PDB file of N, CA and C in Angstrom:
ATOM      1  N   MET A   1     -20.537  29.603  14.311  1.00  0.00           N
ATOM      2  CA  MET A   1     -20.347  28.216  13.929  1.00  0.00           C
ATOM      3  C   MET A   1     -21.691  27.491  14.075  1.00  0.00           C
ATOM      4  N   ALA A   2     -22.235  26.986  12.984  1.00  0.00           N
ATOM      5  CA  ALA A   2     -23.533  26.315  12.991  1.00  0.00           C
ATOM      6  C   ALA A   2     -23.384  24.887  13.494  1.00  0.00           C
ATOM      7  N   GLU A   3     -24.414  24.433  14.174  1.00  0.00           N
ATOM      8  CA  GLU A   3     -24.440  23.052  14.657  1.00  0.00           C
ATOM      9  C   GLU A   3     -25.751  22.414  14.262  1.00  0.00           C
ATOM     10  N   VAL A   4     -25.680  21.153  13.910  1.00  0.00           N
ATOM     11  CA  VAL A   4     -26.869  20.374  13.596  1.00  0.00           C
ATOM     12  C   VAL A   4     -26.764  19.088  14.392  1.00  0.00           C
ATOM     13  N   GLY A   5     -27.711  18.878  15.282  1.00  0.00           N
ATOM     14  CA  GLY A   5     -27.692  17.672  16.105  1.00  0.00           C
ATOM     15  C   GLY A   5     -26.437  17.573  16.955  1.00  0.00           C
ATOM     16  N   GLY A   6     -25.901  18.705  17.387  1.00  0.00           N
ATOM     17  CA  GLY A   6     -24.705  18.698  18.225  1.00  0.00           C
ATOM     18  C   GLY A   6     -23.420  18.559  17.440  1.00  0.00           C
ATOM     19  N   VAL A   7     -23.513  18.614  16.106  1.00  0.00           N
ATOM     20  CA  VAL A   7     -22.327  18.463  15.252  1.00  0.00           C
ATOM     21  C   VAL A   7     -22.004  19.801  14.608  1.00  0.00           C
ATOM     22  N   SER A   8     -20.770  20.246  14.731  1.00  0.00           N
ATOM     23  CA  SER A   8     -20.325  21.483  14.114  1.00  0.00           C
ATOM     24  C   SER A   8     -20.218  21.263  12.607  1.00  0.00           C
ATOM     25  N   THR A   9     -21.081  21.927  11.841  1.00  0.00           N
ATOM     26  CA  THR A   9     -21.089  21.722  10.388  1.00  0.00           C
ATOM     27  C   THR A   9     -19.797  22.210   9.737  1.00  0.00           C
ATOM     28  N   ASP A  10     -19.243  23.310  10.227  1.00  0.00           N
ATOM     29  CA  ASP A  10     -18.000  23.820   9.649  1.00  0.00           C
ATOM     30  C   ASP A  10     -16.854  22.840   9.874  1.00  0.00           C
ATOM     31  N   ARG A  11     -16.770  22.323  11.080  1.00  0.00           N
ATOM     32  CA  ARG A  11     -15.686  21.370  11.403  1.00  0.00           C
ATOM     33  C   ARG A  11     -15.849  20.080  10.599  1.00  0.00           C
ATOM     34  N   LEU A  12     -17.076  19.597  10.502  1.00  0.00           N
ATOM     35  CA  LEU A  12     -17.347  18.386   9.718  1.00  0.00           C
ATOM     36  C   LEU A  12     -16.981  18.616   8.256  1.00  0.00           C
ATOM     37  N   ARG A  13     -17.408  19.742   7.707  1.00  0.00           N
ATOM     38  CA  ARG A  13     -17.110  20.047   6.305  1.00  0.00           C
ATOM     39  C   ARG A  13     -15.594  20.113   6.084  1.00  0.00           C
ATOM     40  N   SER A  14     -14.870  20.677   7.044  1.00  0.00           N
ATOM     41  CA  SER A  14     -13.418  20.767   6.945  1.00  0.00           C
ATOM     42  C   SER A  14     -12.790  19.379   6.876  1.00  0.00           C
ATOM     43  N   PHE A  15     -13.228  18.474   7.734  1.00  0.00           N
ATOM     44  CA  PHE A  15     -12.708  17.099   7.715  1.00  0.00           C
ATOM     45  C   PHE A  15     -13.030  16.418   6.391  1.00  0.00           C
ATOM     46  N   VAL A  16     -14.271  16.544   5.951  1.00  0.00           N
ATOM     47  CA  VAL A  16     -14.689  15.894   4.707  1.00  0.00           C
ATOM     48  C   VAL A  16     -13.894  16.443   3.524  1.00  0.00           C
ATOM     49  N   ASP A  17     -13.725  17.756   3.473  1.00  0.00           N
ATOM     50  CA  ASP A  17     -12.957  18.365   2.382  1.00  0.00           C
ATOM     51  C   ASP A  17     -11.515  17.872   2.366  1.00  0.00           C
ATOM     52  N   ARG A  18     -10.901  17.793   3.545  1.00  0.00           N
ATOM     53  CA  ARG A  18      -9.521  17.309   3.628  1.00  0.00           C
ATOM     54  C   ARG A  18      -9.410  15.866   3.174  1.00  0.00           C
ATOM     55  N   ILE A  19     -10.349  15.047   3.610  1.00  0.00           N
ATOM     56  CA  ILE A  19     -10.327  13.629   3.227  1.00  0.00           C
ATOM     57  C   ILE A  19     -10.507  13.488   1.720  1.00  0.00           C
ATOM     58  N   GLU A  20     -11.441  14.245   1.150  1.00  0.00           N
ATOM     59  CA  GLU A  20     -11.656  14.170  -0.291  1.00  0.00           C
ATOM     60  C   GLU A  20     -10.411  14.603  -1.067  1.00  0.00           C
ATOM     61  N   ARG A  21      -9.741  15.640  -0.603  1.00  0.00           N
ATOM     62  CA  ARG A  21      -8.515  16.115  -1.252  1.00  0.00           C
ATOM     63  C   ARG A  21      -7.425  15.044  -1.173  1.00  0.00           C
ATOM     64  N   LEU A  22      -7.305  14.416  -0.017  1.00  0.00           N
ATOM     65  CA  LEU A  22      -6.306  13.358   0.145  1.00  0.00           C
ATOM     66  C   LEU A  22      -6.630  12.140  -0.712  1.00  0.00           C
ATOM     67  N   GLU A  23      -7.908  11.810  -0.829  1.00  0.00           N
ATOM     68  CA  GLU A  23      -8.318  10.691  -1.693  1.00  0.00           C
ATOM     69  C   GLU A  23      -7.934  10.967  -3.146  1.00  0.00           C
ATOM     70  N   GLU A  24      -8.110  12.203  -3.591  1.00  0.00           N
ATOM     71  CA  GLU A  24      -7.718  12.575  -4.952  1.00  0.00           C
ATOM     72  C   GLU A  24      -6.215  12.428  -5.134  1.00  0.00           C
ATOM     73  N   GLU A  25      -5.450  12.878  -4.141  1.00  0.00           N
ATOM     74  CA  GLU A  25      -4.001  12.737  -4.199  1.00  0.00           C
ATOM     75  C   GLU A  25      -3.598  11.269  -4.224  1.00  0.00           C
ATOM     76  N   LYS A  26      -4.300  10.451  -3.438  1.00  0.00           N
ATOM     77  CA  LYS A  26      -4.002   9.014  -3.380  1.00  0.00           C
ATOM     78  C   LYS A  26      -4.245   8.372  -4.744  1.00  0.00           C
ATOM     79  N   GLN A  27      -5.330   8.761  -5.415  1.00  0.00           N
ATOM     80  CA  GLN A  27      -5.615   8.225  -6.747  1.00  0.00           C
ATOM     81  C   GLN A  27      -4.542   8.632  -7.748  1.00  0.00           C
ATOM     82  N   ALA A  28      -4.090   9.879  -7.649  1.00  0.00           N
ATOM     83  CA  ALA A  28      -3.032  10.345  -8.551  1.00  0.00           C
ATOM     84  C   ALA A  28      -1.738   9.573  -8.303  1.00  0.00           C
ATOM     85  N   LEU A  29      -1.421   9.337  -7.037  1.00  0.00           N
ATOM     86  CA  LEU A  29      -0.219   8.566  -6.709  1.00  0.00           C
ATOM     87  C   LEU A  29      -0.333   7.124  -7.199  1.00  0.00           C
ATOM     88  N   ALA A  30      -1.508   6.530  -7.058  1.00  0.00           N
ATOM     89  CA  ALA A  30      -1.717   5.160  -7.525  1.00  0.00           C
ATOM     90  C   ALA A  30      -1.511   5.087  -9.038  1.00  0.00           C
ATOM     91  N   ALA A  31      -1.980   6.087  -9.757  1.00  0.00           N
ATOM     92  CA  ALA A  31      -1.783   6.124 -11.207  1.00  0.00           C
ATOM     93  C   ALA A  31      -0.299   6.251 -11.536  1.00  0.00           C
ATOM     94  N   ASP A  32       0.409   7.070 -10.781  1.00  0.00           N
ATOM     95  CA  ASP A  32       1.855   7.222 -10.990  1.00  0.00           C
ATOM     96  C   ASP A  32       2.587   5.907 -10.734  1.00  0.00           C
ATOM     97  N   ILE A  33       2.184   5.200  -9.694  1.00  0.00           N
ATOM     98  CA  ILE A  33       2.813   3.916  -9.361  1.00  0.00           C
ATOM     99  C   ILE A  33       2.549   2.901 -10.468  1.00  0.00           C
ATOM    100  N   ARG A  34       1.308   2.853 -10.966  1.00  0.00           N
ATOM    101  CA  ARG A  34       0.998   1.943 -12.078  1.00  0.00           C
ATOM    102  C   ARG A  34       1.865   2.261 -13.289  1.00  0.00           C
ATOM    103  N   GLU A  35       2.078   3.533 -13.544  1.00  0.00           N
ATOM    104  CA  GLU A  35       2.902   3.951 -14.675  1.00  0.00           C
ATOM    105  C   GLU A  35       4.343   3.469 -14.514  1.00  0.00           C
ATOM    106  N   VAL A  36       4.879   3.567 -13.310  1.00  0.00           N
ATOM    107  CA  VAL A  36       6.252   3.105 -13.065  1.00  0.00           C
ATOM    108  C   VAL A  36       6.337   1.596 -13.248  1.00  0.00           C
ATOM    109  N   TYR A  37       5.347   0.850 -12.749  1.00  0.00           N
ATOM    110  CA  TYR A  37       5.340  -0.600 -12.950  1.00  0.00           C
ATOM    111  C   TYR A  37       5.271  -0.937 -14.434  1.00  0.00           C
ATOM    112  N   SER A  38       4.464  -0.199 -15.176  1.00  0.00           N
ATOM    113  CA  SER A  38       4.343  -0.425 -16.617  1.00  0.00           C
ATOM    114  C   SER A  38       5.677  -0.161 -17.307  1.00  0.00           C
ATOM    115  N   GLU A  39       6.352   0.893 -16.900  1.00  0.00           N
ATOM    116  CA  GLU A  39       7.666   1.217 -17.458  1.00  0.00           C
ATOM    117  C   GLU A  39       8.670   0.109 -17.147  1.00  0.00           C
ATOM    118  N   ALA A  40       8.626  -0.383 -15.909  1.00  0.00           N
ATOM    119  CA  ALA A  40       9.534  -1.467 -15.511  1.00  0.00           C
ATOM    120  C   ALA A  40       9.248  -2.725 -16.319  1.00  0.00           C
ATOM    121  N   LYS A  41       7.973  -3.017 -16.523  1.00  0.00           N
ATOM    122  CA  LYS A  41       7.597  -4.194 -17.314  1.00  0.00           C
ATOM    123  C   LYS A  41       8.104  -4.044 -18.744  1.00  0.00           C
ATOM    124  N   GLY A  42       7.971  -2.848 -19.297  1.00  0.00           N
ATOM    125  CA  GLY A  42       8.470  -2.586 -20.642  1.00  0.00           C
ATOM    126  C   GLY A  42       9.978  -2.738 -20.746  1.00  0.00           C
ATOM    127  N   ALA A  43      10.667  -2.538 -19.631  1.00  0.00           N
ATOM    128  CA  ALA A  43      12.126  -2.683 -19.597  1.00  0.00           C
ATOM    129  C   ALA A  43      12.540  -4.127 -19.326  1.00  0.00           C
ATOM    130  N   GLY A  44      11.545  -5.029 -19.208  1.00  0.00           N
ATOM    131  CA  GLY A  44      11.849  -6.451 -19.052  1.00  0.00           C
ATOM    132  C   GLY A  44      11.849  -6.972 -17.632  1.00  0.00           C
ATOM    133  N   PHE A  45      11.437  -6.155 -16.678  1.00  0.00           N
ATOM    134  CA  PHE A  45      11.395  -6.620 -15.290  1.00  0.00           C
ATOM    135  C   PHE A  45      10.086  -7.333 -15.008  1.00  0.00           C
ATOM    136  N   ASP A  46      10.129  -8.313 -14.106  1.00  0.00           N
ATOM    137  CA  ASP A  46       8.937  -9.043 -13.685  1.00  0.00           C
ATOM    138  C   ASP A  46       8.241  -8.232 -12.587  1.00  0.00           C
ATOM    139  N   VAL A  47       7.114  -7.644 -12.940  1.00  0.00           N
ATOM    140  CA  VAL A  47       6.408  -6.745 -12.035  1.00  0.00           C
ATOM    141  C   VAL A  47       5.884  -7.482 -10.807  1.00  0.00           C
ATOM    142  N   LYS A  48       5.457  -8.707 -10.986  1.00  0.00           N
ATOM    143  CA  LYS A  48       4.952  -9.498  -9.857  1.00  0.00           C
ATOM    144  C   LYS A  48       6.048  -9.678  -8.803  1.00  0.00           C
ATOM    145  N   VAL A  49       7.242  -9.955  -9.254  1.00  0.00           N
ATOM    146  CA  VAL A  49       8.372 -10.137  -8.345  1.00  0.00           C
ATOM    147  C   VAL A  49       8.744  -8.797  -7.711  1.00  0.00           C
ATOM    148  N   MET A  50       8.691  -7.738  -8.485  1.00  0.00           N
ATOM    149  CA  MET A  50       8.993  -6.416  -7.939  1.00  0.00           C
ATOM    150  C   MET A  50       8.020  -6.050  -6.821  1.00  0.00           C
ATOM    151  N   ARG A  51       6.735  -6.353  -7.015  1.00  0.00           N
ATOM    152  CA  ARG A  51       5.735  -6.080  -5.974  1.00  0.00           C
ATOM    153  C   ARG A  51       6.063  -6.862  -4.702  1.00  0.00           C
ATOM    154  N   GLN A  52       6.488  -8.102  -4.875  1.00  0.00           N
ATOM    155  CA  GLN A  52       6.866  -8.934  -3.733  1.00  0.00           C
ATOM    156  C   GLN A  52       8.080  -8.335  -3.015  1.00  0.00           C
ATOM    157  N   LEU A  53       9.062  -7.895  -3.792  1.00  0.00           N
ATOM    158  CA  LEU A  53      10.248  -7.274  -3.202  1.00  0.00           C
ATOM    159  C   LEU A  53       9.885  -6.030  -2.398  1.00  0.00           C
ATOM    160  N   ILE A  54       9.019  -5.214  -2.944  1.00  0.00           N
ATOM    161  CA  ILE A  54       8.610  -3.989  -2.252  1.00  0.00           C
ATOM    162  C   ILE A  54       7.882  -4.333  -0.965  1.00  0.00           C
ATOM    163  N   ARG A  55       7.013  -5.355  -1.015  1.00  0.00           N
ATOM    164  CA  ARG A  55       6.301  -5.787   0.184  1.00  0.00           C
ATOM    165  C   ARG A  55       7.291  -6.263   1.244  1.00  0.00           C
ATOM    166  N   LEU A  56       8.286  -7.023   0.826  1.00  0.00           N
ATOM    167  CA  LEU A  56       9.290  -7.526   1.770  1.00  0.00           C
ATOM    168  C   LEU A  56      10.139  -6.403   2.350  1.00  0.00           C
ATOM    169  N   ARG A  57      10.481  -5.417   1.522  1.00  0.00           N
ATOM    170  CA  ARG A  57      11.304  -4.300   2.004  1.00  0.00           C
ATOM    171  C   ARG A  57      10.573  -3.444   3.022  1.00  0.00           C
ATOM    172  N   LYS A  58       9.247  -3.447   2.971  1.00  0.00           N
ATOM    173  CA  LYS A  58       8.458  -2.685   3.936  1.00  0.00           C
ATOM    174  C   LYS A  58       8.448  -3.350   5.310  1.00  0.00           C
ATOM    175  N   MET A  59       8.709  -4.641   5.322  1.00  0.00           N
ATOM    176  CA  MET A  59       8.637  -5.395   6.568  1.00  0.00           C
ATOM    177  C   MET A  59       9.858  -5.125   7.448  1.00  0.00           C
ATOM    178  N   ASP A  60       9.649  -5.253   8.737  1.00  0.00           N
ATOM    179  CA  ASP A  60      10.741  -5.203   9.700  1.00  0.00           C
ATOM    180  C   ASP A  60      11.667  -6.387   9.425  1.00  0.00           C
ATOM    181  N   LYS A  61      12.973  -6.179   9.558  1.00  0.00           N
ATOM    182  CA  LYS A  61      13.944  -7.233   9.240  1.00  0.00           C
ATOM    183  C   LYS A  61      13.680  -8.510  10.029  1.00  0.00           C
ATOM    184  N   ASP A  62      13.384  -8.389  11.304  1.00  0.00           N
ATOM    185  CA  ASP A  62      13.129  -9.579  12.130  1.00  0.00           C
ATOM    186  C   ASP A  62      11.862 -10.304  11.676  1.00  0.00           C
ATOM    187  N   ASP A  63      10.821  -9.557  11.348  1.00  0.00           N
ATOM    188  CA  ASP A  63       9.578 -10.171  10.864  1.00  0.00           C
ATOM    189  C   ASP A  63       9.809 -10.887   9.536  1.00  0.00           C
ATOM    190  N   ARG A  64      10.590 -10.244   8.668  1.00  0.00           N
ATOM    191  CA  ARG A  64      10.881 -10.840   7.359  1.00  0.00           C
ATOM    192  C   ARG A  64      11.686 -12.126   7.529  1.00  0.00           C
ATOM    193  N   THR A  65      12.669 -12.091   8.410  1.00  0.00           N
ATOM    194  CA  THR A  65      13.492 -13.280   8.662  1.00  0.00           C
ATOM    195  C   THR A  65      12.638 -14.415   9.207  1.00  0.00           C
ATOM    196  N   GLN A  66      11.770 -14.097  10.150  1.00  0.00           N
ATOM    197  CA  GLN A  66      10.903 -15.115  10.740  1.00  0.00           C
ATOM    198  C   GLN A  66       9.968 -15.700   9.677  1.00  0.00           C
ATOM    199  N   MET A  67       9.393 -14.843   8.832  1.00  0.00           N
ATOM    200  CA  MET A  67       8.496 -15.323   7.788  1.00  0.00           C
ATOM    201  C   MET A  67       9.241 -16.237   6.811  1.00  0.00           C
ATOM    202  N   GLU A  68      10.474 -15.854   6.438  1.00  0.00           N
ATOM    203  CA  GLU A  68      11.259 -16.668   5.516  1.00  0.00           C
ATOM    204  C   GLU A  68      11.609 -18.016   6.123  1.00  0.00           C
ATOM    205  N   GLU A  69      11.914 -18.033   7.416  1.00  0.00           N
ATOM    206  CA  GLU A  69      12.228 -19.300   8.086  1.00  0.00           C
ATOM    207  C   GLU A  69      11.015 -20.215   8.106  1.00  0.00           C
ATOM    208  N   ILE A  70       9.857 -19.665   8.410  1.00  0.00           N
ATOM    209  CA  ILE A  70       8.621 -20.470   8.422  1.00  0.00           C
ATOM    210  C   ILE A  70       8.310 -20.965   7.023  1.00  0.00           C
ATOM    211  N   LEU A  71       8.502 -20.105   6.025  1.00  0.00           N
ATOM    212  CA  LEU A  71       8.272 -20.502   4.640  1.00  0.00           C
ATOM    213  C   LEU A  71       9.148 -21.685   4.268  1.00  0.00           C
ATOM    214  N   HIS A  72      10.429 -21.654   4.658  1.00  0.00           N
ATOM    215  CA  HIS A  72      11.340 -22.758   4.359  1.00  0.00           C
ATOM    216  C   HIS A  72      10.906 -24.045   5.076  1.00  0.00           C
ATOM    217  N   VAL A  73      10.430 -23.935   6.291  1.00  0.00           N
ATOM    218  CA  VAL A  73       9.939 -25.105   7.016  1.00  0.00           C
ATOM    219  C   VAL A  73       8.754 -25.705   6.271  1.00  0.00           C
ATOM    220  N   TYR A  74       7.815 -24.857   5.859  1.00  0.00           N
ATOM    221  CA  TYR A  74       6.635 -25.325   5.131  1.00  0.00           C
ATOM    222  C   TYR A  74       7.030 -25.958   3.793  1.00  0.00           C
ATOM    223  N   GLU A  75       7.990 -25.351   3.116  1.00  0.00           N
ATOM    224  CA  GLU A  75       8.441 -25.905   1.839  1.00  0.00           C
ATOM    225  C   GLU A  75       9.051 -27.300   2.029  1.00  0.00           C
ATOM    226  N   ARG A  76       9.875 -27.439   3.066  1.00  0.00           N
ATOM    227  CA  ARG A  76      10.454 -28.756   3.344  1.00  0.00           C
ATOM    228  C   ARG A  76       9.377 -29.774   3.704  1.00  0.00           C
ATOM    229  N   ALA A  77       8.383 -29.323   4.461  1.00  0.00           N
ATOM    230  CA  ALA A  77       7.295 -30.230   4.869  1.00  0.00           C
ATOM    231  C   ALA A  77       6.508 -30.718   3.650  1.00  0.00           C
ATOM    232  N   LEU A  78       6.448 -29.888   2.621  1.00  0.00           N
ATOM    233  CA  LEU A  78       5.723 -30.258   1.409  1.00  0.00           C
ATOM    234  C   LEU A  78       6.632 -30.874   0.349  1.00  0.00           C
ATOM    235  N   GLY A  79       7.905 -31.062   0.687  1.00  0.00           N
ATOM    236  CA  GLY A  79       8.849 -31.678  -0.233  1.00  0.00           C
ATOM    237  C   GLY A  79       9.207 -30.794  -1.417  1.00  0.00           C
ATOM    238  N   MET A  80       9.191 -29.519  -1.191  1.00  0.00           N
ATOM    239  CA  MET A  80       9.501 -28.580  -2.295  1.00  0.00           C
ATOM    240  C   MET A  80      10.974 -28.264  -2.328  1.00  0.00           C
TER     241      MET A  80
END
């Protein structure tokens, strides 16, 4: 196992290779997600709202409830 400056070159190369492979997979997944959004838009769905829904569904229920309550307070404060 070769070392340069106290760094194992084989181990470093392994990490870099794995990260690069995962980055490629991430790009492919992002393209797939864009395609699904495009399909949904073509079917008449509002993609902006869908993105918001997905963001909300990722949140913990208690966090989402708290955020919605604060949002309603702010809306009332602004007369909305």
